[in-house]
N, C-alpha and C. Protein backbone atom coordinates (compact mmCIF):
# COMPACT_ATOMS: atom_id res chain seq x y z
N MET A 1 16.69 -13.08 -4.17
CA MET A 1 16.65 -12.26 -2.97
C MET A 1 15.53 -12.78 -2.07
N PRO A 2 15.82 -13.03 -0.78
CA PRO A 2 14.78 -13.55 0.12
C PRO A 2 13.70 -12.51 0.38
N LEU A 3 12.49 -13.01 0.65
CA LEU A 3 11.36 -12.12 0.88
C LEU A 3 11.57 -11.21 2.08
N GLN A 4 12.31 -11.68 3.09
CA GLN A 4 12.45 -10.91 4.31
C GLN A 4 13.69 -10.04 4.30
N SER A 5 14.26 -9.80 3.16
CA SER A 5 15.45 -8.98 3.05
C SER A 5 15.18 -7.57 3.55
N ASN A 6 16.16 -6.99 4.19
CA ASN A 6 16.04 -5.62 4.66
C ASN A 6 16.53 -4.63 3.61
N THR A 7 17.04 -5.10 2.52
CA THR A 7 17.50 -4.19 1.50
C THR A 7 16.31 -3.66 0.73
N GLY A 8 16.46 -2.47 0.19
CA GLY A 8 15.40 -1.90 -0.62
C GLY A 8 15.47 -2.44 -2.03
N LEU A 9 14.38 -2.38 -2.73
CA LEU A 9 14.33 -2.85 -4.10
C LEU A 9 13.91 -1.71 -4.99
N ARG A 10 14.30 -1.78 -6.23
CA ARG A 10 13.94 -0.75 -7.20
C ARG A 10 12.82 -1.22 -8.10
N ASP A 11 12.38 -0.36 -8.94
CA ASP A 11 11.21 -0.46 -9.78
C ASP A 11 10.71 -1.85 -10.17
N PRO A 12 11.19 -2.50 -11.24
CA PRO A 12 10.53 -3.75 -11.65
C PRO A 12 10.68 -4.84 -10.60
N GLU A 13 11.81 -4.90 -9.95
CA GLU A 13 12.02 -5.92 -8.94
C GLU A 13 11.06 -5.73 -7.76
N LEU A 14 10.85 -4.50 -7.34
CA LEU A 14 9.93 -4.22 -6.24
C LEU A 14 8.51 -4.57 -6.65
N LEU A 15 8.12 -4.21 -7.85
CA LEU A 15 6.77 -4.51 -8.32
C LEU A 15 6.54 -6.02 -8.36
N GLU A 16 7.54 -6.76 -8.82
CA GLU A 16 7.42 -8.22 -8.83
C GLU A 16 7.30 -8.76 -7.42
N GLN A 17 8.08 -8.21 -6.50
CA GLN A 17 8.04 -8.65 -5.10
C GLN A 17 6.69 -8.33 -4.48
N ILE A 18 6.15 -7.16 -4.78
CA ILE A 18 4.84 -6.76 -4.26
C ILE A 18 3.78 -7.72 -4.78
N LYS A 19 3.84 -8.05 -6.05
CA LYS A 19 2.85 -8.97 -6.64
C LYS A 19 2.96 -10.36 -6.02
N LEU A 20 4.17 -10.80 -5.75
CA LEU A 20 4.36 -12.11 -5.13
C LEU A 20 3.77 -12.12 -3.72
N LEU A 21 4.10 -11.12 -2.92
CA LEU A 21 3.57 -11.05 -1.55
C LEU A 21 2.06 -10.84 -1.55
N SER A 22 1.59 -10.02 -2.47
CA SER A 22 0.16 -9.77 -2.58
C SER A 22 -0.58 -11.06 -2.94
N GLY A 23 -0.04 -11.79 -3.90
CA GLY A 23 -0.66 -13.04 -4.29
C GLY A 23 -0.77 -14.03 -3.15
N LYS A 24 0.29 -14.10 -2.35
CA LYS A 24 0.27 -14.99 -1.18
C LYS A 24 -0.76 -14.53 -0.15
N ALA A 25 -0.83 -13.22 0.06
CA ALA A 25 -1.81 -12.69 1.02
C ALA A 25 -3.24 -12.94 0.52
N ILE A 26 -3.46 -12.76 -0.77
CA ILE A 26 -4.78 -13.01 -1.36
C ILE A 26 -5.16 -14.47 -1.21
N GLU A 27 -4.22 -15.36 -1.54
CA GLU A 27 -4.51 -16.79 -1.42
C GLU A 27 -4.81 -17.16 0.04
N GLU A 28 -3.99 -16.66 0.95
CA GLU A 28 -4.20 -16.97 2.37
C GLU A 28 -5.56 -16.47 2.85
N ARG A 29 -5.91 -15.25 2.49
CA ARG A 29 -7.20 -14.68 2.91
C ARG A 29 -8.36 -15.44 2.27
N ARG A 30 -8.20 -15.80 1.00
CA ARG A 30 -9.26 -16.54 0.30
C ARG A 30 -9.50 -17.90 0.97
N ARG A 31 -8.42 -18.60 1.27
CA ARG A 31 -8.55 -19.91 1.92
C ARG A 31 -9.17 -19.77 3.31
N HIS A 32 -8.73 -18.75 4.04
CA HIS A 32 -9.27 -18.52 5.38
C HIS A 32 -10.78 -18.25 5.33
N ALA A 33 -11.21 -17.55 4.28
CA ALA A 33 -12.63 -17.24 4.10
C ALA A 33 -13.40 -18.41 3.49
N ARG A 34 -12.68 -19.51 3.21
CA ARG A 34 -13.29 -20.70 2.59
C ARG A 34 -13.99 -20.34 1.28
N THR A 35 -13.29 -19.52 0.51
CA THR A 35 -13.78 -19.11 -0.80
C THR A 35 -12.94 -19.82 -1.86
N THR A 36 -13.58 -20.33 -2.88
CA THR A 36 -12.83 -20.98 -3.96
C THR A 36 -12.32 -19.92 -4.94
N GLN A 37 -11.37 -20.33 -5.75
CA GLN A 37 -10.88 -19.43 -6.79
C GLN A 37 -12.00 -19.06 -7.75
N GLU A 38 -12.88 -20.00 -8.03
CA GLU A 38 -14.00 -19.75 -8.93
C GLU A 38 -14.95 -18.70 -8.33
N GLN A 39 -15.22 -18.80 -7.04
CA GLN A 39 -16.09 -17.83 -6.38
C GLN A 39 -15.47 -16.43 -6.40
N LEU A 40 -14.16 -16.38 -6.12
CA LEU A 40 -13.47 -15.08 -6.15
C LEU A 40 -13.48 -14.52 -7.57
N ALA A 41 -13.30 -15.38 -8.55
CA ALA A 41 -13.33 -14.94 -9.96
C ALA A 41 -14.68 -14.31 -10.29
N ARG A 42 -15.76 -14.96 -9.88
CA ARG A 42 -17.10 -14.41 -10.16
C ARG A 42 -17.30 -13.08 -9.43
N ARG A 43 -16.84 -13.01 -8.20
CA ARG A 43 -17.03 -11.79 -7.41
C ARG A 43 -16.25 -10.61 -7.97
N THR A 44 -15.10 -10.87 -8.57
CA THR A 44 -14.24 -9.78 -9.06
C THR A 44 -14.35 -9.53 -10.55
N GLY A 45 -14.92 -10.48 -11.29
CA GLY A 45 -14.98 -10.34 -12.74
C GLY A 45 -13.65 -10.69 -13.41
N ILE A 46 -12.78 -11.36 -12.68
CA ILE A 46 -11.48 -11.78 -13.20
C ILE A 46 -11.58 -13.28 -13.47
N GLY A 47 -10.99 -13.74 -14.55
CA GLY A 47 -11.03 -15.16 -14.87
C GLY A 47 -10.33 -16.02 -13.82
N THR A 48 -10.79 -17.24 -13.68
CA THR A 48 -10.21 -18.17 -12.70
C THR A 48 -8.73 -18.39 -12.98
N ARG A 49 -8.37 -18.48 -14.25
CA ARG A 49 -6.96 -18.65 -14.61
C ARG A 49 -6.11 -17.51 -14.05
N TRP A 50 -6.62 -16.28 -14.15
CA TRP A 50 -5.86 -15.13 -13.64
C TRP A 50 -5.83 -15.10 -12.11
N ILE A 51 -6.88 -15.62 -11.47
CA ILE A 51 -6.85 -15.72 -10.00
C ILE A 51 -5.69 -16.63 -9.60
N ARG A 52 -5.53 -17.75 -10.32
CA ARG A 52 -4.41 -18.66 -10.04
C ARG A 52 -3.07 -17.95 -10.26
N GLU A 53 -2.99 -17.20 -11.36
CA GLU A 53 -1.75 -16.47 -11.68
C GLU A 53 -1.46 -15.39 -10.62
N ILE A 54 -2.49 -14.69 -10.16
CA ILE A 54 -2.31 -13.67 -9.14
C ILE A 54 -1.79 -14.31 -7.86
N GLU A 55 -2.42 -15.40 -7.45
CA GLU A 55 -2.00 -16.08 -6.22
C GLU A 55 -0.58 -16.64 -6.34
N ALA A 56 -0.16 -16.96 -7.54
CA ALA A 56 1.19 -17.46 -7.76
C ALA A 56 2.21 -16.33 -7.84
N GLY A 57 1.73 -15.09 -7.87
CA GLY A 57 2.63 -13.94 -7.94
C GLY A 57 3.17 -13.66 -9.33
N ASN A 58 2.44 -14.06 -10.35
CA ASN A 58 2.87 -13.84 -11.73
C ASN A 58 3.14 -12.35 -11.95
N PRO A 59 4.36 -11.99 -12.38
CA PRO A 59 4.68 -10.58 -12.59
C PRO A 59 3.86 -9.92 -13.70
N ARG A 60 3.23 -10.74 -14.58
CA ARG A 60 2.40 -10.17 -15.65
C ARG A 60 1.00 -9.81 -15.16
N SER A 61 0.66 -10.22 -13.93
CA SER A 61 -0.67 -9.86 -13.40
C SER A 61 -0.71 -8.36 -13.17
N SER A 62 -1.91 -7.80 -13.25
CA SER A 62 -2.01 -6.35 -13.12
C SER A 62 -2.30 -5.97 -11.67
N ILE A 63 -1.80 -4.81 -11.30
CA ILE A 63 -2.07 -4.28 -9.95
C ILE A 63 -3.57 -4.09 -9.77
N ASP A 64 -4.27 -3.69 -10.83
CA ASP A 64 -5.73 -3.54 -10.75
C ASP A 64 -6.39 -4.83 -10.29
N HIS A 65 -5.95 -5.95 -10.82
CA HIS A 65 -6.53 -7.23 -10.43
C HIS A 65 -6.19 -7.57 -8.98
N HIS A 66 -4.99 -7.23 -8.56
CA HIS A 66 -4.62 -7.44 -7.15
C HIS A 66 -5.52 -6.61 -6.24
N ILE A 67 -5.77 -5.39 -6.64
CA ILE A 67 -6.62 -4.50 -5.84
C ILE A 67 -8.05 -5.04 -5.79
N LYS A 68 -8.57 -5.49 -6.93
CA LYS A 68 -9.93 -6.06 -6.95
C LYS A 68 -10.04 -7.27 -6.02
N CYS A 69 -9.04 -8.14 -6.08
CA CYS A 69 -9.06 -9.33 -5.23
C CYS A 69 -8.93 -8.95 -3.76
N ALA A 70 -8.01 -8.05 -3.46
CA ALA A 70 -7.82 -7.63 -2.07
C ALA A 70 -9.10 -7.02 -1.51
N THR A 71 -9.73 -6.16 -2.29
CA THR A 71 -10.96 -5.51 -1.85
C THR A 71 -12.07 -6.53 -1.64
N ALA A 72 -12.21 -7.46 -2.57
CA ALA A 72 -13.25 -8.48 -2.48
C ALA A 72 -13.07 -9.36 -1.24
N LEU A 73 -11.83 -9.51 -0.80
CA LEU A 73 -11.55 -10.37 0.35
C LEU A 73 -11.39 -9.59 1.66
N GLY A 74 -11.54 -8.27 1.59
CA GLY A 74 -11.43 -7.45 2.80
C GLY A 74 -10.00 -7.16 3.22
N LEU A 75 -9.04 -7.32 2.31
CA LEU A 75 -7.65 -6.98 2.60
C LEU A 75 -7.44 -5.49 2.38
N PRO A 76 -6.66 -4.83 3.23
CA PRO A 76 -6.36 -3.42 2.98
C PRO A 76 -5.44 -3.30 1.77
N ILE A 77 -5.74 -2.42 0.85
CA ILE A 77 -4.90 -2.29 -0.34
C ILE A 77 -3.67 -1.43 -0.06
N SER A 78 -3.57 -0.90 1.14
CA SER A 78 -2.39 -0.10 1.47
C SER A 78 -1.11 -0.92 1.40
N TYR A 79 -1.19 -2.24 1.55
CA TYR A 79 0.02 -3.05 1.44
C TYR A 79 0.57 -3.03 0.02
N LEU A 80 -0.24 -2.60 -0.93
CA LEU A 80 0.23 -2.40 -2.30
C LEU A 80 0.62 -0.94 -2.53
N LEU A 81 -0.17 -0.04 -1.98
CA LEU A 81 -0.01 1.37 -2.31
C LEU A 81 1.20 2.03 -1.66
N ILE A 82 1.51 1.69 -0.43
CA ILE A 82 2.66 2.33 0.23
C ILE A 82 3.96 2.02 -0.52
N PRO A 83 4.25 0.76 -0.86
CA PRO A 83 5.46 0.52 -1.65
C PRO A 83 5.43 1.20 -3.02
N LEU A 84 4.25 1.30 -3.63
CA LEU A 84 4.16 1.98 -4.93
C LEU A 84 4.47 3.47 -4.80
N LEU A 85 4.12 4.08 -3.67
CA LEU A 85 4.50 5.48 -3.44
C LEU A 85 6.02 5.64 -3.44
N PHE A 86 6.70 4.70 -2.81
CA PHE A 86 8.16 4.74 -2.80
C PHE A 86 8.70 4.62 -4.21
N MET A 87 8.13 3.70 -4.99
CA MET A 87 8.57 3.53 -6.38
C MET A 87 8.40 4.81 -7.17
N GLU A 88 7.25 5.46 -6.98
CA GLU A 88 6.97 6.70 -7.71
C GLU A 88 8.02 7.76 -7.44
N LYS A 89 8.51 7.80 -6.22
CA LYS A 89 9.52 8.80 -5.83
C LYS A 89 10.94 8.28 -6.02
N GLU A 90 11.06 7.11 -6.69
CA GLU A 90 12.34 6.47 -6.96
C GLU A 90 13.15 6.29 -5.67
N MET A 91 12.46 5.83 -4.64
CA MET A 91 13.08 5.57 -3.34
C MET A 91 13.07 4.07 -3.07
N ASN A 92 14.04 3.63 -2.31
CA ASN A 92 14.08 2.23 -1.88
C ASN A 92 12.98 1.98 -0.86
N PHE A 93 12.34 0.84 -0.95
CA PHE A 93 11.35 0.43 0.05
C PHE A 93 11.84 -0.86 0.69
N PRO A 94 12.00 -0.88 2.00
CA PRO A 94 12.44 -2.11 2.65
C PRO A 94 11.34 -3.17 2.62
N VAL A 95 11.55 -4.22 1.88
CA VAL A 95 10.55 -5.26 1.68
C VAL A 95 10.14 -5.89 3.01
N ALA A 96 11.03 -5.91 3.97
CA ALA A 96 10.72 -6.51 5.27
C ALA A 96 9.50 -5.86 5.91
N PHE A 97 9.24 -4.61 5.62
CA PHE A 97 8.05 -3.95 6.18
C PHE A 97 6.76 -4.62 5.75
N LEU A 98 6.75 -5.17 4.54
CA LEU A 98 5.55 -5.84 4.06
C LEU A 98 5.26 -7.11 4.85
N VAL A 99 6.30 -7.72 5.35
CA VAL A 99 6.16 -8.99 6.03
C VAL A 99 6.19 -8.83 7.55
N ASP A 100 7.15 -8.06 8.04
CA ASP A 100 7.42 -8.02 9.47
C ASP A 100 6.48 -7.14 10.27
N ASN A 101 6.25 -5.91 9.83
CA ASN A 101 5.50 -4.98 10.66
C ASN A 101 4.66 -4.04 9.82
N PHE A 102 3.90 -4.59 8.90
CA PHE A 102 3.14 -3.71 8.03
C PHE A 102 2.06 -2.94 8.77
N ALA A 103 1.44 -3.55 9.76
CA ALA A 103 0.40 -2.86 10.52
C ALA A 103 0.97 -1.59 11.15
N GLY A 104 2.17 -1.68 11.71
CA GLY A 104 2.81 -0.51 12.30
C GLY A 104 3.13 0.55 11.27
N LEU A 105 3.61 0.12 10.12
CA LEU A 105 3.91 1.06 9.03
C LEU A 105 2.64 1.75 8.56
N GLN A 106 1.58 0.98 8.41
CA GLN A 106 0.31 1.53 7.95
C GLN A 106 -0.22 2.57 8.95
N GLU A 107 -0.18 2.26 10.24
CA GLU A 107 -0.63 3.20 11.27
C GLU A 107 0.19 4.48 11.22
N ARG A 108 1.52 4.34 11.08
CA ARG A 108 2.41 5.49 11.04
C ARG A 108 2.13 6.36 9.82
N ALA A 109 1.89 5.73 8.67
CA ALA A 109 1.62 6.48 7.44
C ALA A 109 0.33 7.27 7.58
N ILE A 110 -0.69 6.66 8.15
CA ILE A 110 -1.97 7.36 8.33
C ILE A 110 -1.79 8.53 9.29
N LYS A 111 -1.06 8.32 10.38
CA LYS A 111 -0.81 9.40 11.34
C LYS A 111 -0.04 10.54 10.70
N CYS A 112 0.96 10.19 9.90
CA CYS A 112 1.77 11.21 9.22
C CYS A 112 0.92 12.04 8.26
N ILE A 113 0.05 11.39 7.50
CA ILE A 113 -0.83 12.10 6.58
C ILE A 113 -1.77 13.01 7.35
N GLY A 114 -2.33 12.51 8.45
CA GLY A 114 -3.21 13.31 9.29
C GLY A 114 -2.49 14.52 9.87
N ASP A 115 -1.28 14.31 10.38
CA ASP A 115 -0.50 15.42 10.95
C ASP A 115 -0.19 16.47 9.89
N PHE A 116 0.17 16.01 8.69
CA PHE A 116 0.46 16.94 7.60
C PHE A 116 -0.77 17.78 7.27
N TYR A 117 -1.91 17.13 7.21
CA TYR A 117 -3.16 17.82 6.89
C TYR A 117 -3.48 18.87 7.96
N ILE A 118 -3.35 18.50 9.21
CA ILE A 118 -3.64 19.43 10.31
C ILE A 118 -2.67 20.61 10.28
N GLU A 119 -1.40 20.34 10.05
CA GLU A 119 -0.41 21.43 9.97
C GLU A 119 -0.72 22.37 8.81
N THR A 120 -1.13 21.81 7.68
CA THR A 120 -1.47 22.64 6.52
C THR A 120 -2.66 23.53 6.84
N LEU A 121 -3.69 22.96 7.45
CA LEU A 121 -4.86 23.76 7.84
C LEU A 121 -4.48 24.83 8.85
N ALA A 122 -3.64 24.49 9.80
CA ALA A 122 -3.23 25.46 10.82
C ALA A 122 -2.49 26.63 10.19
N ARG A 123 -1.61 26.36 9.23
CA ARG A 123 -0.89 27.45 8.55
C ARG A 123 -1.85 28.35 7.78
N GLN A 124 -2.92 27.79 7.26
CA GLN A 124 -3.87 28.57 6.49
C GLN A 124 -4.70 29.50 7.37
N VAL A 125 -4.96 29.12 8.60
CA VAL A 125 -5.82 29.95 9.44
C VAL A 125 -5.06 30.83 10.42
N ARG A 126 -3.78 30.58 10.62
CA ARG A 126 -2.98 31.42 11.52
C ARG A 126 -2.56 32.68 10.79
N PRO A 127 -2.62 33.81 11.50
CA PRO A 127 -2.11 35.05 10.88
C PRO A 127 -0.59 34.98 10.76
N ASP A 128 -0.06 35.76 9.82
CA ASP A 128 1.39 35.86 9.67
C ASP A 128 2.00 36.36 10.96
N ARG A 129 3.19 35.91 11.28
CA ARG A 129 3.86 36.39 12.50
C ARG A 129 4.13 37.87 12.44
N ASP A 130 4.46 38.38 11.25
CA ASP A 130 4.73 39.80 11.12
C ASP A 130 3.52 40.64 11.47
N MET A 131 2.34 40.15 11.14
CA MET A 131 1.13 40.90 11.39
C MET A 131 0.73 40.85 12.86
N THR A 132 1.16 39.84 13.60
CA THR A 132 0.75 39.72 14.99
C THR A 132 1.62 40.56 15.93
N GLN A 133 2.78 40.95 15.47
CA GLN A 133 3.64 41.77 16.32
C GLN A 133 3.16 43.22 16.26
N ALA A 134 3.01 43.81 17.42
CA ALA A 134 2.55 45.22 17.48
C ALA A 134 3.62 46.14 16.90
N GLN A 135 3.16 47.07 16.13
CA GLN A 135 4.06 48.05 15.55
C GLN A 135 4.38 49.09 16.61
N PRO A 136 5.64 49.52 16.70
CA PRO A 136 5.99 50.56 17.67
C PRO A 136 5.20 51.83 17.40
N GLY A 137 4.66 52.40 18.45
CA GLY A 137 3.91 53.64 18.34
C GLY A 137 2.49 53.47 17.85
N ALA A 138 2.05 52.25 17.69
CA ALA A 138 0.68 52.03 17.20
C ALA A 138 -0.30 51.98 18.34
């Protein structure tokens, strides 16, 4: 299946795809920062061999290691977490979002969470509608 597919992926296949894309993003960011695999390994406490495996997208690599590498390189870990949320809810995640417009997806997700939080707070502080209506003869 091509990386830019618009079809959604399910559990193990999506996780493998996320690791592959994550590994490529980590490698690209590391090279851009002119950091060697050995330097990244020391910074994260992950062996150099596993840094190579992560960058290659090895499906046996752990998400924890991807997160450590992403954090060490200044990558947002939301590119891992948003698809994992879909997996948790057994929903399809369009892989193209990871490649094509992730910044837009990330902004939208943050806005949605903020809106939900504000609506929840508003419901907590607003009086019930029944209580705000004047009772006849009161």
